[in-house]
Structure formats: structure tokens, C-alpha cells
Protein backbone atom coordinates (compact mmCIF):
# COMPACT_ATOMS: atom_id res chain seq x y z
CA MET A 1 -34.75 38.24 -39.66
CA GLY A 2 -33.05 39.19 -36.74
CA SER A 3 -29.21 38.29 -36.39
CA LYS A 4 -27.91 34.77 -35.39
CA SER A 5 -26.17 34.72 -32.01
CA PRO A 6 -23.08 34.03 -32.07
CA GLU A 7 -23.32 30.44 -31.09
CA THR A 8 -25.59 29.67 -33.53
CA GLU A 9 -23.27 30.87 -36.47
CA HIS A 10 -20.49 29.63 -35.04
CA PRO A 11 -21.26 26.64 -33.21
CA VAL A 12 -18.19 24.61 -32.92
CA LYS A 13 -16.72 25.29 -29.02
CA ALA A 14 -12.88 25.29 -29.28
CA LEU A 15 -10.05 26.21 -26.98
CA GLY A 16 -7.41 29.15 -26.98
CA TYR A 17 -5.03 31.46 -25.41
CA ALA A 18 -6.05 35.26 -26.08
CA ALA A 19 -4.77 38.93 -25.36
CA ARG A 20 -7.92 40.92 -23.97
CA ASP A 21 -5.82 44.55 -23.55
CA THR A 22 -3.07 46.18 -24.28
CA SER A 23 -0.78 44.78 -21.02
CA GLY A 24 -0.36 42.24 -24.44
CA VAL A 25 -0.95 38.72 -21.61
CA LEU A 26 -2.22 35.48 -23.31
CA SER A 27 -4.92 33.84 -21.50
CA PRO A 28 -6.91 30.73 -22.20
CA ILE A 29 -10.20 31.77 -24.02
CA ASN A 30 -13.25 29.49 -24.17
CA PHE A 31 -14.63 30.31 -28.11
CA SER A 32 -16.43 29.17 -31.11
CA ARG A 33 -15.66 28.52 -34.61
CA ARG A 34 -17.74 28.30 -38.33
CA LYS A 35 -19.42 24.66 -38.76
CA THR A 36 -17.16 22.48 -41.67
CA GLY A 37 -18.83 24.08 -44.43
CA ASP A 38 -18.90 22.09 -48.05
CA GLU A 39 -15.33 23.58 -49.11
CA ASP A 40 -13.97 23.93 -45.77
CA VAL A 41 -11.02 21.98 -43.70
CA ARG A 42 -11.01 21.41 -40.39
CA PHE A 43 -8.07 20.39 -38.78
CA LYS A 44 -6.46 19.80 -35.37
CA VAL A 45 -3.84 22.13 -34.87
CA LEU A 46 -0.70 20.32 -33.33
CA TYR A 47 2.27 23.54 -33.92
CA CYS A 48 2.22 27.27 -34.54
CA GLY A 49 4.61 29.58 -34.78
CA VAL A 50 5.17 32.81 -32.88
CA CYS A 51 6.13 35.55 -35.42
CA HIS A 52 6.65 39.18 -34.19
CA THR A 53 3.48 40.49 -35.88
CA ASP A 54 1.69 38.30 -33.23
CA LEU A 55 4.16 40.76 -30.48
CA HIS A 56 2.53 43.70 -31.88
CA PHE A 57 -1.34 42.95 -32.28
CA VAL A 58 -1.15 41.41 -28.73
CA LYS A 59 0.21 44.91 -27.48
CA ASN A 60 -2.11 47.17 -29.92
CA GLU A 61 1.45 48.73 -31.57
CA TRP A 62 0.01 49.19 -34.75
CA ASN A 63 -3.22 51.03 -33.69
CA ASN A 64 -5.45 47.92 -35.55
CA THR A 65 -5.96 45.39 -32.69
CA LYS A 66 -9.17 44.18 -32.15
CA TYR A 67 -9.93 42.76 -28.33
CA PRO A 68 -10.08 39.65 -27.54
CA VAL A 69 -7.11 38.47 -29.77
CA ILE A 70 -6.25 35.17 -30.88
CA PRO A 71 -2.70 34.97 -32.47
CA GLY A 72 -1.02 32.82 -34.57
CA HIS A 73 -0.51 32.37 -38.32
CA GLU A 74 1.79 29.58 -38.51
CA ILE A 75 -0.29 27.11 -38.31
CA VAL A 76 0.23 23.69 -38.52
CA GLY A 77 -2.20 20.13 -38.14
CA VAL A 78 -3.76 16.92 -39.31
CA VAL A 79 -7.12 17.35 -40.53
CA THR A 80 -10.48 16.06 -38.99
CA GLU A 81 -12.89 16.77 -40.90
CA VAL A 82 -13.39 17.84 -44.86
CA GLY A 83 -16.56 19.73 -46.43
CA SER A 84 -18.06 17.35 -49.04
CA LYS A 85 -16.82 19.71 -52.31
CA VAL A 86 -13.52 19.14 -51.07
CA LYS A 87 -10.72 17.57 -53.03
CA LYS A 88 -7.74 19.14 -52.15
CA VAL A 89 -6.65 16.88 -48.69
CA LYS A 90 -8.70 13.85 -46.46
CA VAL A 91 -8.89 13.29 -43.19
CA GLY A 92 -5.63 12.43 -41.67
CA ASP A 93 -3.80 14.41 -44.07
CA HIS A 94 -1.26 16.84 -42.70
CA VAL A 95 -1.90 20.54 -43.38
CA GLY A 96 -0.43 24.44 -43.03
CA VAL A 97 -2.42 27.74 -42.66
CA GLY A 98 -0.24 30.83 -43.29
CA CYS A 99 -0.94 34.65 -43.04
CA ILE A 100 -4.59 34.27 -45.51
CA VAL A 101 -7.82 32.81 -45.32
CA GLY A 102 -10.05 34.84 -47.24
CA CYS A 103 -10.06 36.74 -50.76
CA CYS A 104 -12.64 38.14 -53.35
CA HIS A 105 -11.58 35.45 -56.33
CA SER A 106 -12.53 37.37 -58.76
CA CYS A 107 -10.04 40.71 -59.04
CA ASN A 108 -6.74 40.76 -61.24
CA GLN A 109 -4.28 40.05 -58.17
CA CYS A 110 -6.42 36.77 -56.83
CA GLY A 111 -6.00 35.66 -60.81
CA ALA A 112 -2.62 36.24 -61.01
CA ASN A 113 -2.51 34.00 -57.74
CA GLN A 114 -1.31 36.73 -55.42
CA GLU A 115 -3.96 37.11 -53.07
CA GLN A 116 -1.87 38.62 -50.36
CA TYR A 117 -2.44 42.22 -52.71
CA CYS A 118 -6.21 41.49 -52.88
CA SER A 119 -7.53 44.15 -51.31
CA LYS A 120 -10.64 41.95 -49.76
CA MET A 121 -8.23 39.53 -48.68
CA VAL A 122 -8.49 38.13 -44.90
CA HIS A 123 -6.14 37.95 -42.54
CA THR A 124 -6.01 34.67 -40.24
CA TYR A 125 -6.14 36.38 -37.08
CA ASN A 126 -7.37 39.91 -35.87
CA ASP A 127 -9.18 40.63 -39.79
CA SER A 128 -10.78 44.14 -40.18
CA SER A 129 -13.52 43.20 -41.96
CA VAL A 130 -14.51 39.78 -40.26
CA VAL A 131 -14.17 38.25 -36.91
CA THR A 132 -11.33 35.63 -37.26
CA TYR A 133 -9.02 33.92 -34.81
CA GLY A 134 -5.65 32.48 -34.98
CA GLY A 135 -3.78 29.09 -34.04
CA TYR A 136 -3.33 29.63 -30.24
CA SER A 137 -5.86 27.46 -30.50
CA ASN A 138 -6.84 23.75 -30.34
CA HIS A 139 -8.90 23.49 -33.72
CA MET A 140 -9.13 25.52 -37.37
CA VAL A 141 -11.38 25.70 -39.96
CA ALA A 142 -10.25 27.45 -43.48
CA ASN A 143 -11.29 27.22 -46.93
CA GLU A 144 -9.65 24.27 -48.80
CA HIS A 145 -8.41 27.33 -51.09
CA PHE A 146 -6.35 28.37 -48.30
CA ILE A 147 -5.19 25.01 -47.00
CA VAL A 148 -1.06 24.43 -47.33
CA ILE A 149 -0.52 20.52 -48.20
CA TRP A 150 1.73 19.18 -45.98
CA PRO A 151 4.73 17.08 -48.09
CA LYS A 152 5.22 13.41 -46.33
CA ASP A 153 8.16 13.44 -43.56
CA TYR A 154 8.48 17.40 -43.62
CA PRO A 155 8.62 18.10 -39.91
CA LEU A 156 6.00 20.20 -39.11
CA ASP A 157 7.20 21.89 -35.60
CA GLY A 158 10.39 22.89 -37.88
CA GLY A 159 8.38 23.95 -41.10
CA ALA A 160 5.39 25.95 -39.29
CA PRO A 161 7.71 28.93 -39.19
CA LEU A 162 7.99 29.06 -43.22
CA LEU A 163 4.28 29.89 -43.84
CA CYS A 164 5.10 33.22 -42.66
CA ALA A 165 8.69 33.36 -42.45
CA GLY A 166 9.64 31.22 -45.23
CA ILE A 167 7.36 33.08 -47.91
CA THR A 168 7.96 36.30 -46.90
CA VAL A 169 11.75 36.21 -47.76
CA TYR A 170 11.15 33.39 -50.68
CA SER A 171 8.33 35.67 -53.02
CA PRO A 172 10.94 38.62 -53.18
CA ILE A 173 14.09 36.23 -53.75
CA ARG A 174 11.72 34.86 -56.76
CA TYR A 175 10.09 37.47 -57.73
CA TYR A 176 13.56 40.15 -57.70
CA GLY A 177 15.03 37.53 -59.36
CA LEU A 178 17.98 37.10 -56.77
CA ASP A 179 17.69 33.51 -57.39
CA LYS A 180 20.23 32.87 -60.14
CA PRO A 181 23.05 30.89 -59.21
CA GLY A 182 26.39 32.98 -58.95
CA MET A 183 24.71 36.64 -58.03
CA HIS A 184 25.52 37.84 -54.33
CA VAL A 185 23.06 38.99 -52.15
CA GLY A 186 22.77 40.27 -49.21
CA VAL A 187 20.28 39.20 -45.71
CA VAL A 188 19.72 42.26 -43.20
CA GLY A 189 19.61 40.71 -39.93
CA LEU A 190 19.74 36.73 -38.73
CA GLY A 191 16.59 36.95 -36.85
CA GLY A 192 13.17 35.28 -37.88
CA LEU A 193 13.13 35.53 -41.19
CA GLY A 194 17.02 36.40 -42.09
CA HIS A 195 18.53 32.91 -41.41
CA VAL A 196 15.49 31.15 -43.41
CA ALA A 197 16.65 33.63 -46.21
CA VAL A 198 20.56 32.36 -45.89
CA LYS A 199 18.85 28.63 -46.30
CA PHE A 200 16.49 29.69 -49.26
CA LEU A 201 19.71 31.46 -51.42
CA LYS A 202 21.85 29.14 -50.64
CA ALA A 203 19.99 25.86 -51.55
CA LEU A 204 19.41 28.10 -54.82
CA GLY A 205 23.47 27.96 -55.65
CA VAL A 206 23.41 31.82 -54.37
CA LYS A 207 26.54 34.02 -52.78
CA VAL A 208 25.29 35.09 -49.26
CA THR A 209 26.76 37.47 -47.44
CA VAL A 210 24.80 38.34 -43.78
CA ILE A 211 24.98 41.74 -42.48
CA SER A 212 24.29 42.33 -38.86
CA THR A 213 24.63 45.04 -36.14
CA SER A 214 26.00 41.70 -33.98
CA PRO A 215 29.22 40.59 -34.66
CA LYS A 216 28.99 37.37 -32.37
CA LYS A 217 26.29 35.97 -34.79
CA LYS A 218 29.13 35.58 -37.56
CA GLU A 219 29.54 32.29 -36.15
CA GLU A 220 26.61 30.30 -36.94
CA ALA A 221 25.67 33.01 -39.72
CA ILE A 222 28.45 30.78 -41.74
CA ASN A 223 28.78 27.69 -39.64
CA THR A 224 25.28 27.03 -39.34
CA PHE A 225 23.27 28.40 -41.99
CA GLY A 226 26.12 28.70 -44.23
CA ALA A 227 26.48 32.29 -45.59
CA ASP A 228 29.57 33.14 -47.30
CA SER A 229 30.53 35.95 -45.35
CA PHE A 230 29.75 38.52 -42.74
CA LEU A 231 29.55 42.35 -42.27
CA VAL A 232 28.96 44.24 -39.05
CA SER A 233 26.89 47.05 -40.26
CA ARG A 234 28.32 49.52 -37.49
CA ASP A 235 31.52 49.14 -38.74
CA GLN A 236 32.67 51.14 -41.26
CA ALA A 237 35.85 49.76 -42.66
CA GLN A 238 33.60 46.82 -42.89
CA MET A 239 31.08 47.51 -44.85
CA GLN A 240 33.47 49.86 -46.90
CA SER A 241 34.87 46.49 -48.12
CA GLY A 242 31.46 45.39 -49.71
CA VAL A 243 30.66 48.60 -51.67
CA GLY A 244 29.43 48.09 -54.70
CA SER A 245 29.70 43.47 -54.56
CA MET A 246 26.01 42.96 -54.55
CA ASP A 247 22.76 42.49 -57.04
CA GLY A 248 20.30 42.77 -54.46
CA ILE A 249 19.77 42.97 -50.41
CA ILE A 250 16.68 41.35 -48.27
CA ASP A 251 16.68 43.36 -45.51
CA THR A 252 14.45 41.48 -42.98
CA VAL A 253 15.35 44.38 -40.10
CA SER A 254 12.16 46.25 -38.40
CA ALA A 255 14.23 47.93 -35.85
CA ASP A 256 15.09 51.67 -37.54
CA HIS A 257 18.00 51.82 -39.13
CA PRO A 258 19.61 53.76 -42.23
CA LEU A 259 19.30 52.62 -46.01
CA VAL A 260 21.84 54.25 -47.36
CA PRO A 261 24.83 52.40 -46.27
CA LEU A 262 22.71 49.00 -47.81
CA ILE A 263 22.61 51.01 -50.38
CA SER A 264 26.10 51.68 -51.34
CA LEU A 265 26.70 48.04 -51.48
CA LEU A 266 25.05 47.36 -54.27
CA LYS A 267 26.17 46.88 -57.57
CA PRO A 268 24.74 49.08 -60.55
CA ASN A 269 20.64 47.73 -61.30
CA GLY A 270 21.16 46.35 -58.14
CA LYS A 271 18.00 45.94 -55.82
CA LEU A 272 17.11 46.79 -52.16
CA VAL A 273 14.01 44.83 -51.16
CA LEU A 274 12.21 45.40 -47.62
CA VAL A 275 10.21 42.99 -45.58
CA GLY A 276 10.62 44.05 -42.39
CA ALA A 277 8.63 47.22 -40.68
CA PRO A 278 10.27 49.73 -38.76
CA THR A 279 7.08 51.79 -37.25
CA LYS A 280 9.55 55.13 -38.85
CA PRO A 281 9.97 56.22 -41.70
CA TYR A 282 12.86 55.40 -43.61
CA GLU A 283 15.38 58.51 -45.19
CA LEU A 284 15.51 58.24 -48.62
CA PRO A 285 18.32 60.14 -50.49
CA ALA A 286 17.58 60.44 -54.55
CA PHE A 287 21.26 60.60 -54.94
CA PRO A 288 22.36 57.04 -54.28
CA LEU A 289 19.46 55.67 -56.26
CA LEU A 290 20.51 57.33 -59.99
CA PHE A 291 24.03 56.94 -59.63
CA GLY A 292 23.78 53.10 -60.19
CA ARG A 293 20.21 52.85 -61.54
CA LYS A 294 19.50 51.11 -57.95
CA MET A 295 16.31 50.23 -57.01
CA VAL A 296 14.40 50.17 -53.64
CA GLY A 297 11.22 47.51 -53.11
CA GLY A 298 8.97 45.85 -51.01
CA SER A 299 7.00 42.67 -50.43
CA PHE A 300 4.40 41.19 -48.28
CA ILE A 301 4.32 37.40 -47.61
CA GLY A 302 3.14 35.28 -50.80
CA GLY A 303 -0.33 33.75 -52.76
CA ILE A 304 -1.39 30.56 -51.71
CA LYS A 305 0.22 28.48 -54.66
CA GLU A 306 3.65 30.58 -54.26
CA THR A 307 3.29 29.07 -50.69
CA GLN A 308 2.30 25.97 -51.45
CA GLU A 309 5.89 26.65 -53.43
CA MET A 310 7.64 27.37 -51.10
CA ILE A 311 7.27 24.67 -48.61
CA GLU A 312 8.13 22.06 -51.14
CA PHE A 313 10.96 23.66 -51.71
CA ALA A 314 12.14 23.88 -48.22
CA ALA A 315 10.78 20.05 -47.90
CA LYS A 316 13.17 19.45 -50.81
CA HIS A 317 16.28 20.78 -49.42
CA ASN A 318 15.51 19.97 -46.28
CA ILE A 319 14.77 23.79 -44.82
CA THR A 320 13.35 24.35 -41.76
CA ALA A 321 13.96 26.94 -39.40
CA ALA A 322 15.67 26.69 -36.02
CA ILE A 323 13.03 26.53 -33.85
CA GLU A 324 12.18 26.53 -29.65
CA ARG A 325 9.64 24.79 -29.08
CA ILE A 326 7.82 25.86 -26.39
CA PRO A 327 4.50 24.56 -24.23
CA ILE A 328 1.26 26.97 -24.49
CA GLU A 329 1.61 27.58 -20.83
CA TYR A 330 5.08 29.64 -21.52
CA ILE A 331 3.84 31.65 -24.06
CA ASN A 332 4.13 34.75 -22.17
CA THR A 333 7.39 34.76 -20.95
CA ALA A 334 7.91 33.88 -24.96
CA MET A 335 6.57 37.21 -25.98
CA GLU A 336 8.76 38.88 -23.20
CA ARG A 337 11.74 36.88 -25.08
CA LEU A 338 10.58 38.16 -28.31
CA GLN A 339 10.84 41.45 -27.58
CA LYS A 340 14.49 41.65 -26.63
CA SER A 341 15.27 39.15 -29.40
CA ASP A 342 16.35 36.49 -26.77
CA VAL A 343 15.36 33.75 -29.48
CA ARG A 344 17.32 31.20 -31.92
CA TYR A 345 15.25 31.91 -34.20
CA ARG A 346 11.45 31.18 -33.93
CA PHE A 347 9.56 29.82 -31.13
CA VAL A 348 6.79 27.17 -32.01
CA ILE A 349 3.57 26.11 -29.79
CA ASP A 350 3.40 22.84 -28.86
CA ILE A 351 -0.30 23.45 -29.40
CA GLY A 352 -0.80 19.73 -29.76
CA ASN A 353 0.24 18.25 -26.22
CA THR A 354 0.12 21.59 -24.13
CA LEU A 355 -3.20 23.38 -24.82
CA LYS A 356 -5.38 21.64 -22.43
CA ALA A 357 -8.81 22.57 -21.24
CA ALA A 358 -9.00 23.32 -17.61
């Protein structure tokens, strides 16, 4: 038998925005998605957050983009069709899809609800093993396992970014035990991830210090997001005042920056957790770790069960991302602004109202 044509294999017409080359310019594209399988959920996309990862992929900055690429892994919408075996949701329900749409379901990681570490994990878009297209599109289909049930009355637009930015900080806060009331935790960078980390930590009863290169973010960190204190990382006197005071630090910054000044802020047995991904390797001398039994760790998003838990926690504590809602036709300007960190703090595309067939 010959291989099926894409139109036969993926018969459901779809409309999206794609980048076609390293210019990163996004423009309308007609493509197709698979039909709804027995365990699949199809939903109309209403909102999709714009993640910094999207910018890396449209410009091929990580040298693994497969064009045309349709980004988007902070996707929320309303269910339009469910397969015959679907039990999780029904037509009309609000749902979300984050960074993962596939895994092997049989390895140790999958068994521990840590699909993000499965060697056969399938990314929501630009996957290396199969062709996947993301949420800058009018509808989405995914196996019900990877569908997040949206809490009643929880905002779709402000909640969408938590499907990546939220779980990226929530998972390490829980895993590394930085969630105990009375602890003191630093958050490096007050961007899309950092401002959500502050909100989660405060909801958990943790004392929070924001560490930033930008003094002008102090007022917002404390008065808007509830941080207890603020350190300007370029001010040596301020950094010196915080030495040995923190149980842990969540480092959300993806720009190149030194780790040693951060390690010095930790108490003995303190943990510095990296969730940002700078392109250059870090310099990490041994002595600052040895003297104080300190640890540098990392974390990558979270599994589906934990993502569901995170969204429910956010809904309970009224935690949403600070967003700027944009029409799809603004996306290229938004990407230029994102490159310059000119967003407070997450763009969310109003797909439902603005992505229309020409």
C-alpha cells in the first residue's frame, strides 16, 4: 500500500498563522488536522498565549525548526467534538492544552505522571518525530490524556499562559520543596515566568524577594504582585545585604548572567533552580557549592496531572498572568516587542475573535 496523502490522513481543514523561514514572519496558512479519533478531543481555540519559546522557534534560534511552523502551546478553547471513548470532557466544556500532546505511556516517567521527561514525549508544535502544529490556529485536536479541564469561571485569557509559564515555575516550587509557609525564596527576573512565580509563592505563604537588573520593576514587584522585597542584581551593596538569607531561588532568566552572586544569597542547604535557558553555558565554580552544601538544579514544565493541579490551585487563589490581549494580525509586532522584552508580562492572542478565513 502506498502512503496516504496528507489530505487523506488529515482531512479536517484548519486555518493558522505560520512562519515559513528564518525571518520569523508569521502569515496565514491553510493546513489540515487529523479527524477526531475515539480518544480525541477537538476544540475551537479561543485564546493562545505567546511564549518566548515561540520566538526562538519561528526564527530557528535553536537550529531545529521545521518550516512551516505554527507556534503556540498555551491554548484554551471550547470543546466542539469528542471521540466515542472520551470520558474526561464533553462538548461545550472549556479546556486547555499545554506543551505536550503525546508520550509512550509505558516508561517509568510516564508511570510517575512525568510525561515531560518521557523520551518519546511529543511537543504540541514543531515536534522532531511527528508533524505537530500549535495553537496559533482556529481549532485543535488532542488525545484526552493531554487535555486540561478548565475550572469553572476561571478566566480563559489570563489563565492561558499558565499552561506553560505557570507550570514551569509551579513544578519546581513543589518538587524542590520551596512551598513551605515561612520559607524565603528568591525569584530571578520579573517577566512572563517570574511574575507568576511570585504569585504562586505568596499564595503558598512564602516570603518572596525579586532579584532583577531593572530597578524600575521594584514598585510593581511589591505593590502589584505582592513580593516582600527587591534586590537589584547589579547593585553589589544590595546583593551583599541578601547574602545567606534564602532557602531557594527560582531563576527564570534566559539571558546570559552569572550564577555565583545568586548562589551566595542561599542559606546552607539552599537550592538554586534554573528554569530559564540561556544559550551560553554557565560558569559554575565548585567552592560556592561546597561551602554550604548548596545545590543547582533544573526543571522543565510539568506532567499532565501536575498541570491540572496547578490550574486548579491558580483558580482557587485567583492567580492569572498579567496579559496584553492582541489580535492575530498584531503577532509580528508582538514578536518584535517580545524580542525587546517590551511586554507586561504575556501576550495572549484573541484567536476566537480575530483569526478569520480571508
